[in-house]
Amino acid sequence: MMSDVQKRMKVVETYKKLSSLRGAAAKLGVNVKTVKKWVDRFAKYGKKGLTDKRFKAPVKSKGRSR
């Protein structure tokens, strides 16, 4: 059984192979928006972006201290 990260990595790899969001979505039986989400997260954050469905980018501090 594949982990969530492995499934998401497969989405990214399929997209890279086909160079098509729609093609990858059709081949894997998922929504185009899903393919775009994982491809974008992988492009921006690498494999770490695929680790959790509630992944949030680090928040930049405005230099304030309490």
C-alpha atoms as a PDB file:
ATOM      1  CA  MET A   1       0.000   0.000   0.000  1.00  0.00           C
ATOM      2  CA  MET A   2       1.311   3.447  -0.920  1.00  0.00           C
ATOM      3  CA  SER A   3       1.644   6.232   1.602  1.00  0.00           C
ATOM      4  CA  ASP A   4       0.048   9.604   0.904  1.00  0.00           C
ATOM      5  CA  VAL A   5       3.447  11.079   0.043  1.00  0.00           C
ATOM      6  CA  GLN A   6       4.133   8.263  -2.429  1.00  0.00           C
ATOM      7  CA  LYS A   7       0.738   8.802  -4.087  1.00  0.00           C
ATOM      8  CA  ARG A   8       1.351  12.524  -4.360  1.00  0.00           C
ATOM      9  CA  MET A   9       4.854  11.949  -5.721  1.00  0.00           C
ATOM     10  CA  LYS A  10       3.336   9.670  -8.352  1.00  0.00           C
ATOM     11  CA  VAL A  11       1.025  12.531  -9.349  1.00  0.00           C
ATOM     12  CA  VAL A  12       4.039  14.829  -9.749  1.00  0.00           C
ATOM     13  CA  GLU A  13       6.055  12.228 -11.685  1.00  0.00           C
ATOM     14  CA  THR A  14       3.133  11.466 -14.005  1.00  0.00           C
ATOM     15  CA  TYR A  15       2.681  15.160 -14.704  1.00  0.00           C
ATOM     16  CA  LYS A  16       6.401  15.558 -15.456  1.00  0.00           C
ATOM     17  CA  LYS A  17       6.310  12.574 -17.813  1.00  0.00           C
ATOM     18  CA  LEU A  18       3.212  13.738 -19.701  1.00  0.00           C
ATOM     19  CA  SER A  19       3.695  17.529 -19.361  1.00  0.00           C
ATOM     20  CA  SER A  20      -0.066  17.818 -19.061  1.00  0.00           C
ATOM     21  CA  LEU A  21      -2.272  18.450 -16.027  1.00  0.00           C
ATOM     22  CA  ARG A  22      -5.284  16.967 -17.805  1.00  0.00           C
ATOM     23  CA  GLY A  23      -3.319  13.985 -19.073  1.00  0.00           C
ATOM     24  CA  ALA A  24      -1.967  13.193 -15.616  1.00  0.00           C
ATOM     25  CA  ALA A  25      -5.401  13.619 -14.057  1.00  0.00           C
ATOM     26  CA  ALA A  26      -7.007  11.289 -16.602  1.00  0.00           C
ATOM     27  CA  LYS A  27      -4.290   8.657 -16.263  1.00  0.00           C
ATOM     28  CA  LEU A  28      -4.496   8.640 -12.456  1.00  0.00           C
ATOM     29  CA  GLY A  29      -8.257   9.134 -12.145  1.00  0.00           C
ATOM     30  CA  VAL A  30      -8.020  12.340 -10.133  1.00  0.00           C
ATOM     31  CA  ASN A  31      -9.208  15.919 -10.588  1.00  0.00           C
ATOM     32  CA  VAL A  32      -7.070  18.382 -12.576  1.00  0.00           C
ATOM     33  CA  LYS A  33      -7.100  20.734  -9.560  1.00  0.00           C
ATOM     34  CA  THR A  34      -5.588  17.963  -7.451  1.00  0.00           C
ATOM     35  CA  VAL A  35      -2.744  17.459  -9.922  1.00  0.00           C
ATOM     36  CA  LYS A  36      -2.094  21.200 -10.046  1.00  0.00           C
ATOM     37  CA  LYS A  37      -2.065  21.479  -6.253  1.00  0.00           C
ATOM     38  CA  TRP A  38       0.555  18.758  -5.764  1.00  0.00           C
ATOM     39  CA  VAL A  39       2.688  19.861  -8.713  1.00  0.00           C
ATOM     40  CA  ASP A  40       2.695  23.448  -7.440  1.00  0.00           C
ATOM     41  CA  ARG A  41       3.512  22.436  -3.870  1.00  0.00           C
ATOM     42  CA  PHE A  42       6.309  20.172  -5.054  1.00  0.00           C
ATOM     43  CA  ALA A  43       7.739  22.939  -7.245  1.00  0.00           C
ATOM     44  CA  LYS A  44       7.688  25.426  -4.372  1.00  0.00           C
ATOM     45  CA  TYR A  45       8.577  23.277  -1.337  1.00  0.00           C
ATOM     46  CA  GLY A  46      10.000  20.025  -2.693  1.00  0.00           C
ATOM     47  CA  LYS A  47       9.047  16.693  -1.163  1.00  0.00           C
ATOM     48  CA  LYS A  48       8.241  18.401   2.153  1.00  0.00           C
ATOM     49  CA  GLY A  49       5.280  20.078   0.442  1.00  0.00           C
ATOM     50  CA  LEU A  50       3.764  16.644  -0.186  1.00  0.00           C
ATOM     51  CA  THR A  51       3.976  15.428   3.404  1.00  0.00           C
ATOM     52  CA  ASP A  52       0.722  16.640   4.920  1.00  0.00           C
ATOM     53  CA  LYS A  53      -2.603  17.633   3.432  1.00  0.00           C
ATOM     54  CA  ARG A  54      -2.741  20.488   5.940  1.00  0.00           C
ATOM     55  CA  PHE A  55       0.747  21.680   5.010  1.00  0.00           C
ATOM     56  CA  LYS A  56       1.276  25.370   5.636  1.00  0.00           C
ATOM     57  CA  ALA A  57       4.203  27.404   4.432  1.00  0.00           C
ATOM     58  CA  PRO A  58       6.335  28.925   7.182  1.00  0.00           C
ATOM     59  CA  VAL A  59       5.090  32.338   8.260  1.00  0.00           C
ATOM     60  CA  LYS A  60       7.615  35.146   8.047  1.00  0.00           C
ATOM     61  CA  SER A  61       8.026  37.153  11.201  1.00  0.00           C
ATOM     62  CA  LYS A  62       7.559  40.902  11.011  1.00  0.00           C
ATOM     63  CA  GLY A  63      10.372  41.400  13.526  1.00  0.00           C
ATOM     64  CA  ARG A  64       8.091  42.096  16.470  1.00  0.00           C
ATOM     65  CA  SER A  65       8.715  40.588  19.854  1.00  0.00           C
ATOM     66  CA  ARG A  66       6.312  40.462  22.737  1.00  0.00           C
END
